[in-house]
N, C-alpha and C. Protein backbone atom coordinates (compact mmCIF):
# COMPACT_ATOMS: atom_id res chain seq x y z
N MET A 1 0.63 -1.45 0.09
CA MET A 1 -0.11 0.31 0.14
C MET A 1 0.80 1.06 0.01
N LYS A 2 2.12 1.01 0.40
CA LYS A 2 2.49 1.95 0.36
C LYS A 2 3.24 2.75 -0.72
N GLU A 3 3.79 1.45 -1.33
CA GLU A 3 4.28 1.78 -2.81
C GLU A 3 3.34 2.54 -3.36
N ARG A 4 2.09 1.70 -3.58
CA ARG A 4 1.31 2.58 -4.16
C ARG A 4 0.68 3.91 -4.19
N PHE A 5 0.60 4.35 -2.78
CA PHE A 5 0.16 5.81 -2.49
C PHE A 5 1.00 6.63 -1.79
N GLY A 6 2.12 6.11 -1.75
CA GLY A 6 3.04 6.90 -0.85
C GLY A 6 2.75 7.73 -0.24
N GLY A 7 2.79 9.21 0.12
CA GLY A 7 2.22 10.10 0.85
C GLY A 7 1.29 9.86 1.67
N GLN A 8 0.15 8.87 1.30
CA GLN A 8 -1.40 8.96 1.11
C GLN A 8 -1.34 8.15 2.72
N ILE A 9 -0.45 7.22 3.04
CA ILE A 9 -0.03 6.31 3.63
C ILE A 9 0.89 6.95 4.90
N GLY A 10 0.11 7.06 6.22
CA GLY A 10 1.46 7.61 7.43
C GLY A 10 1.88 6.00 7.38
N GLU A 11 1.63 4.91 8.14
CA GLU A 11 1.68 4.07 8.41
C GLU A 11 1.14 2.30 8.40
N THR A 12 2.04 1.80 8.72
CA THR A 12 1.52 0.05 8.98
C THR A 12 1.95 -0.68 9.99
N SER A 13 1.08 -1.21 10.29
CA SER A 13 1.32 -1.85 11.71
C SER A 13 0.87 -3.11 11.38
N THR A 14 1.21 -4.25 12.48
CA THR A 14 0.66 -5.19 12.73
C THR A 14 0.66 -5.52 14.46
N TYR A 15 -0.35 -5.38 14.97
CA TYR A 15 0.01 -6.01 16.41
C TYR A 15 -0.87 -6.93 16.72
N LEU A 16 -0.22 -7.81 17.63
CA LEU A 16 -1.31 -9.11 17.89
C LEU A 16 -1.94 -10.09 16.77
N GLY A 17 -1.60 -9.59 15.77
CA GLY A 17 -2.29 -10.55 14.62
C GLY A 17 -3.10 -9.49 14.01
N GLN A 18 -3.37 -8.35 14.42
CA GLN A 18 -4.11 -7.42 13.67
C GLN A 18 -3.51 -6.23 12.90
N ASN A 19 -3.86 -6.24 11.41
CA ASN A 19 -2.99 -5.33 10.70
C ASN A 19 -3.82 -4.16 10.45
N PHE A 20 -3.27 -3.14 10.37
CA PHE A 20 -3.33 -1.91 10.62
C PHE A 20 -2.99 -0.88 9.41
N ILE A 21 -3.48 -0.19 9.02
CA ILE A 21 -3.32 0.74 7.59
C ILE A 21 -3.70 2.27 8.28
N VAL A 22 -2.45 3.15 8.35
CA VAL A 22 -3.39 5.08 8.67
C VAL A 22 -3.07 5.62 7.83
N ALA A 23 -4.20 6.34 6.94
CA ALA A 23 -4.42 6.64 5.91
C ALA A 23 -4.50 8.49 6.11
N LYS A 24 -4.30 9.02 4.93
CA LYS A 24 -4.90 10.66 5.01
C LYS A 24 -6.42 10.14 4.73
N PRO A 25 -7.16 11.42 4.89
CA PRO A 25 -8.49 11.41 5.00
C PRO A 25 -9.14 11.47 3.42
N GLU A 26 -8.49 11.77 2.49
CA GLU A 26 -9.14 11.88 1.25
C GLU A 26 -8.24 10.38 0.12
N ALA A 27 -7.86 9.31 1.22
CA ALA A 27 -7.63 8.35 0.74
C ALA A 27 -8.06 7.25 1.53
N ALA A 28 -8.38 7.30 2.38
CA ALA A 28 -8.66 6.07 3.27
C ALA A 28 -10.10 5.18 2.66
N VAL A 29 -11.18 6.13 1.74
CA VAL A 29 -12.12 5.22 1.80
C VAL A 29 -11.79 4.78 0.01
N PRO A 30 -10.93 4.98 -1.06
CA PRO A 30 -10.13 4.29 -1.83
C PRO A 30 -9.29 3.12 -1.46
N HIS A 31 -8.70 2.79 -0.48
CA HIS A 31 -8.14 1.76 0.21
C HIS A 31 -8.84 0.48 -0.01
N PRO A 32 -10.01 0.09 0.76
CA PRO A 32 -10.75 -1.03 0.80
C PRO A 32 -11.08 -1.73 -0.42
N ARG A 33 -11.29 -0.50 -1.54
CA ARG A 33 -11.69 -0.77 -2.99
C ARG A 33 -10.24 -1.42 -3.61
N ILE A 34 -9.29 -1.15 -3.14
CA ILE A 34 -8.38 -1.18 -3.68
C ILE A 34 -7.93 -2.97 -3.19
N SER A 35 -8.09 -2.46 -2.16
CA SER A 35 -7.76 -4.45 -1.05
C SER A 35 -8.81 -5.59 -1.69
N GLU A 36 -10.02 -4.70 -2.10
CA GLU A 36 -11.32 -5.90 -2.68
C GLU A 36 -10.17 -6.43 -3.93
N LEU A 37 -10.31 -5.38 -4.73
CA LEU A 37 -9.37 -5.96 -6.06
C LEU A 37 -7.89 -6.86 -6.04
N GLU A 38 -7.36 -6.52 -5.31
CA GLU A 38 -5.79 -7.01 -5.13
C GLU A 38 -5.66 -7.96 -4.17
N ALA A 39 -6.50 -8.16 -3.15
CA ALA A 39 -6.05 -8.99 -1.85
C ALA A 39 -7.25 -9.31 -1.34
N ASP A 40 -8.56 -9.60 -1.90
CA ASP A 40 -9.67 -10.48 -1.95
C ASP A 40 -10.51 -9.55 -0.73
N PHE A 41 -9.81 -8.02 0.22
CA PHE A 41 -10.66 -7.86 1.11
C PHE A 41 -12.16 -7.18 0.51
N ASP A 42 -13.13 -7.53 0.62
CA ASP A 42 -14.22 -7.50 0.15
C ASP A 42 -15.56 -7.38 0.78
N TYR A 43 -15.32 -7.58 2.19
CA TYR A 43 -16.63 -7.35 3.37
C TYR A 43 -16.01 -6.23 3.91
N LEU A 44 -16.97 -5.32 4.25
CA LEU A 44 -16.99 -3.99 4.92
C LEU A 44 -17.40 -4.48 6.41
N VAL A 45 -16.73 -4.85 7.38
CA VAL A 45 -17.04 -5.60 8.61
C VAL A 45 -18.02 -4.20 9.35
N ASP A 46 -17.55 -3.18 9.62
CA ASP A 46 -17.63 -2.13 10.05
C ASP A 46 -17.17 -0.67 9.90
N ILE A 47 -17.78 0.51 10.60
CA ILE A 47 -17.15 1.74 10.23
C ILE A 47 -17.10 2.43 11.74
N THR A 48 -16.26 2.93 12.66
CA THR A 48 -16.60 3.51 13.77
C THR A 48 -15.22 4.67 13.89
N ALA A 49 -15.54 4.97 14.95
CA ALA A 49 -14.71 6.55 15.64
C ALA A 49 -14.64 6.43 16.69
N VAL A 50 -13.33 7.13 17.07
CA VAL A 50 -12.86 7.34 18.32
C VAL A 50 -12.82 8.66 18.43
N ASP A 51 -13.32 9.63 19.63
CA ASP A 51 -13.37 10.63 20.05
C ASP A 51 -12.16 11.53 20.52
N TRP A 52 -11.14 11.47 20.00
CA TRP A 52 -10.37 12.14 21.21
C TRP A 52 -10.06 14.13 21.15
N LEU A 53 -11.15 14.58 21.97
CA LEU A 53 -11.81 15.57 22.40
C LEU A 53 -10.89 16.57 22.14
N LYS A 54 -9.60 16.78 22.76
CA LYS A 54 -8.62 18.00 22.84
C LYS A 54 -7.79 17.51 21.93
N ARG A 55 -7.81 16.77 20.68
CA ARG A 55 -6.74 16.92 19.58
C ARG A 55 -7.25 17.51 19.01
N PRO A 56 -6.09 18.09 18.06
CA PRO A 56 -6.63 19.18 16.91
C PRO A 56 -7.92 18.12 15.96
N GLU A 57 -7.08 17.33 15.38
CA GLU A 57 -7.68 15.98 14.58
C GLU A 57 -8.70 15.21 15.56
N ARG A 58 -9.76 16.08 15.77
CA ARG A 58 -10.20 15.26 16.99
C ARG A 58 -10.74 13.87 16.43
N PHE A 59 -11.47 13.23 15.90
CA PHE A 59 -11.96 12.15 15.32
C PHE A 59 -10.87 10.74 14.60
N ASP A 60 -10.60 9.94 15.29
CA ASP A 60 -10.01 8.79 14.45
C ASP A 60 -11.06 8.04 13.44
N LEU A 61 -11.57 7.97 12.62
CA LEU A 61 -12.38 7.54 11.67
C LEU A 61 -12.02 5.85 11.11
N VAL A 62 -12.27 4.59 11.90
CA VAL A 62 -11.70 3.62 11.09
C VAL A 62 -12.98 2.44 10.64
N TYR A 63 -12.18 2.03 9.30
CA TYR A 63 -12.95 1.28 8.47
C TYR A 63 -12.19 0.03 8.67
N ILE A 64 -13.15 -1.33 8.62
CA ILE A 64 -12.75 -2.35 9.08
C ILE A 64 -12.86 -3.56 7.75
N VAL A 65 -11.85 -4.21 6.97
CA VAL A 65 -12.45 -5.06 5.96
C VAL A 65 -11.83 -6.04 6.16
N TYR A 66 -12.65 -7.19 5.61
CA TYR A 66 -11.91 -8.60 5.54
C TYR A 66 -11.95 -8.99 4.56
N SER A 67 -11.28 -10.46 4.63
CA SER A 67 -10.86 -11.73 3.32
C SER A 67 -11.56 -12.63 3.30
N PHE A 68 -12.41 -13.22 3.48
CA PHE A 68 -13.27 -14.18 3.18
C PHE A 68 -11.99 -15.27 2.93
N PRO A 69 -11.04 -15.43 2.12
CA PRO A 69 -10.62 -16.66 1.49
C PRO A 69 -9.01 -16.06 2.36
N ARG A 70 -8.84 -15.20 2.69
CA ARG A 70 -7.15 -15.31 3.58
C ARG A 70 -7.90 -15.35 4.92
N ASN A 71 -9.19 -15.50 5.59
CA ASN A 71 -9.37 -15.45 6.63
C ASN A 71 -8.82 -13.96 7.67
N GLU A 72 -8.63 -12.83 7.08
CA GLU A 72 -7.53 -11.90 7.38
C GLU A 72 -8.55 -10.84 7.56
N ALA A 73 -8.60 -9.85 8.19
CA ALA A 73 -8.84 -8.24 8.53
C ALA A 73 -7.83 -7.24 8.64
N VAL A 74 -8.48 -6.30 7.47
CA VAL A 74 -7.31 -4.76 8.05
C VAL A 74 -8.18 -3.54 8.33
N ARG A 75 -7.48 -3.15 8.91
CA ARG A 75 -8.54 -1.58 9.49
C ARG A 75 -7.87 -0.85 9.04
N VAL A 76 -8.15 0.18 8.71
CA VAL A 76 -8.08 0.97 7.30
C VAL A 76 -8.47 2.75 8.54
N LYS A 77 -7.37 3.87 8.86
CA LYS A 77 -7.42 4.35 10.30
C LYS A 77 -7.07 5.77 9.78
N THR A 78 -8.16 6.85 9.90
CA THR A 78 -7.26 8.04 9.31
C THR A 78 -8.12 9.15 10.51
N HIS A 79 -7.29 10.25 10.48
CA HIS A 79 -7.68 10.94 11.51
C HIS A 79 -8.57 12.65 11.03
N ILE A 80 -9.80 12.86 11.46
CA ILE A 80 -9.92 13.82 10.71
C ILE A 80 -10.68 14.66 12.33
N SER A 81 -10.30 16.50 11.47
CA SER A 81 -11.05 17.53 11.96
C SER A 81 -12.30 17.23 12.62
N ASP A 82 -12.89 18.30 13.90
CA ASP A 82 -14.57 18.18 13.75
C ASP A 82 -15.12 18.90 12.55
N GLY A 83 -16.02 18.62 12.36
CA GLY A 83 -16.65 18.91 10.80
C GLY A 83 -15.94 18.97 9.53
N TYR A 84 -15.06 18.03 9.26
CA TYR A 84 -14.80 17.29 8.54
C TYR A 84 -15.19 16.11 7.83
N LYS A 85 -16.22 16.28 6.31
CA LYS A 85 -16.79 15.49 5.91
C LYS A 85 -16.31 14.99 5.16
N PRO A 86 -16.07 13.49 5.99
CA PRO A 86 -15.20 12.04 4.88
C PRO A 86 -16.47 11.74 3.69
N ALA A 87 -15.54 11.55 2.34
CA ALA A 87 -16.17 10.93 1.49
C ALA A 87 -17.37 9.74 1.62
N THR A 88 -18.49 9.50 1.12
CA THR A 88 -18.87 7.98 1.76
C THR A 88 -18.53 6.50 0.90
N ALA A 89 -18.56 5.61 1.47
CA ALA A 89 -17.69 4.55 1.14
C ALA A 89 -18.71 3.58 0.61
N VAL A 90 -20.04 4.44 0.30
CA VAL A 90 -21.12 3.71 -0.37
C VAL A 90 -21.08 3.29 -1.71
N GLY A 91 -20.09 3.68 -2.18
CA GLY A 91 -19.60 3.45 -3.90
C GLY A 91 -19.04 1.98 -4.03
N VAL A 92 -18.29 2.12 -2.77
CA VAL A 92 -16.97 1.01 -2.78
C VAL A 92 -17.86 -0.45 -2.01
N HIS A 93 -19.00 -0.44 -0.94
CA HIS A 93 -19.25 -0.94 -0.05
C HIS A 93 -20.57 -0.70 0.49
N LEU A 94 -21.62 -1.40 -0.41
CA LEU A 94 -23.43 -1.15 0.10
C LEU A 94 -23.31 -0.93 1.25
N THR A 95 -22.68 -1.88 2.18
CA THR A 95 -23.29 -1.75 3.29
C THR A 95 -22.97 -0.47 4.33
N ALA A 96 -22.24 0.17 3.51
CA ALA A 96 -21.21 1.45 4.54
C ALA A 96 -22.42 2.23 4.59
N ASN A 97 -23.87 2.43 3.98
CA ASN A 97 -24.55 3.35 4.20
C ASN A 97 -24.97 3.19 5.52
N TRP A 98 -25.69 2.14 5.88
CA TRP A 98 -25.83 1.64 7.43
C TRP A 98 -24.86 1.93 8.39
N LEU A 99 -23.56 1.96 8.18
CA LEU A 99 -22.82 2.07 9.27
C LEU A 99 -22.39 3.51 9.14
N GLU A 100 -22.44 4.33 8.31
CA GLU A 100 -22.11 5.75 8.09
C GLU A 100 -23.05 6.49 8.74
N ARG A 101 -24.24 6.00 9.02
CA ARG A 101 -25.53 6.35 9.57
C ARG A 101 -25.47 6.51 10.78
N GLU A 102 -24.74 5.18 11.34
CA GLU A 102 -24.64 4.94 13.11
C GLU A 102 -23.65 5.56 13.22
N VAL A 103 -22.52 6.21 12.31
CA VAL A 103 -21.31 6.78 12.86
C VAL A 103 -21.91 8.07 13.27
N PHE A 104 -22.50 8.52 11.97
CA PHE A 104 -23.23 10.27 12.31
C PHE A 104 -24.72 10.25 13.61
N ASP A 105 -24.75 9.11 13.71
CA ASP A 105 -25.85 8.97 15.18
C ASP A 105 -24.57 9.10 16.25
N MET A 106 -23.43 8.11 16.69
CA MET A 106 -22.68 8.39 17.72
C MET A 106 -21.85 9.08 17.88
N PHE A 107 -21.33 9.58 16.37
CA PHE A 107 -20.52 11.00 16.39
C PHE A 107 -20.42 12.41 15.98
N GLY A 108 -21.87 11.98 15.52
CA GLY A 108 -21.80 13.34 14.66
C GLY A 108 -21.13 13.67 13.73
N ILE A 109 -20.47 12.79 12.66
CA ILE A 109 -19.34 12.65 11.66
C ILE A 109 -20.25 12.81 10.60
N GLU A 110 -20.45 14.03 9.71
CA GLU A 110 -21.57 13.33 8.68
C GLU A 110 -20.73 12.96 7.20
N PHE A 111 -20.87 12.18 6.03
CA PHE A 111 -20.21 11.48 5.26
C PHE A 111 -21.12 12.78 4.03
N ALA A 112 -19.59 13.30 3.16
CA ALA A 112 -20.29 13.67 1.90
C ALA A 112 -20.91 12.85 0.74
N ALA A 113 -22.04 13.52 0.32
CA ALA A 113 -22.82 12.46 -0.52
C ALA A 113 -21.41 11.79 -1.98
N THR A 114 -20.57 12.89 -1.77
CA THR A 114 -19.27 12.45 -3.26
C THR A 114 -18.99 11.09 -3.01
N ARG A 115 -19.06 10.52 -3.81
CA ARG A 115 -18.29 9.31 -3.90
C ARG A 115 -17.32 9.15 -4.61
N ILE A 116 -16.29 9.11 -3.98
CA ILE A 116 -14.69 9.34 -4.60
C ILE A 116 -14.55 7.58 -5.43
N CYS A 117 -15.13 6.45 -5.15
CA CYS A 117 -15.04 5.36 -6.15
C CYS A 117 -16.45 5.18 -6.25
N ASP A 118 -16.29 3.88 -7.81
CA ASP A 118 -17.25 3.21 -7.96
C ASP A 118 -17.51 1.81 -7.76
N ALA A 119 -18.63 1.31 -7.30
CA ALA A 119 -18.78 -0.03 -7.10
C ALA A 119 -18.46 -0.87 -8.38
N SER A 120 -18.86 -0.41 -9.69
CA SER A 120 -18.51 -1.09 -10.95
C SER A 120 -17.42 -1.42 -11.37
């Protein structure tokens, strides 16, 4: 991922068998699609957030994607400020619709209607 997206990826790591990718906000949504095409990560398990009230980039937005053939999950995390509207992931994963609504209800993060990727 770092080779493909360069500066859009801040770090990659594995902790206790869990894989993490930290991406810039504008790059967070395309990564699940790239993962789906190149590494069989075709299921969006969840979208959630963490509120760091006193940090300038107040929220960590976390996408969890899963590969059934590999039996492996990857977490794609991005840092966003309060009021930032990340792009919707619905064009990548239809299940994102419900998950994004839950993130809005719990954290007030509103997703932009513009889709970065197309599911076709």
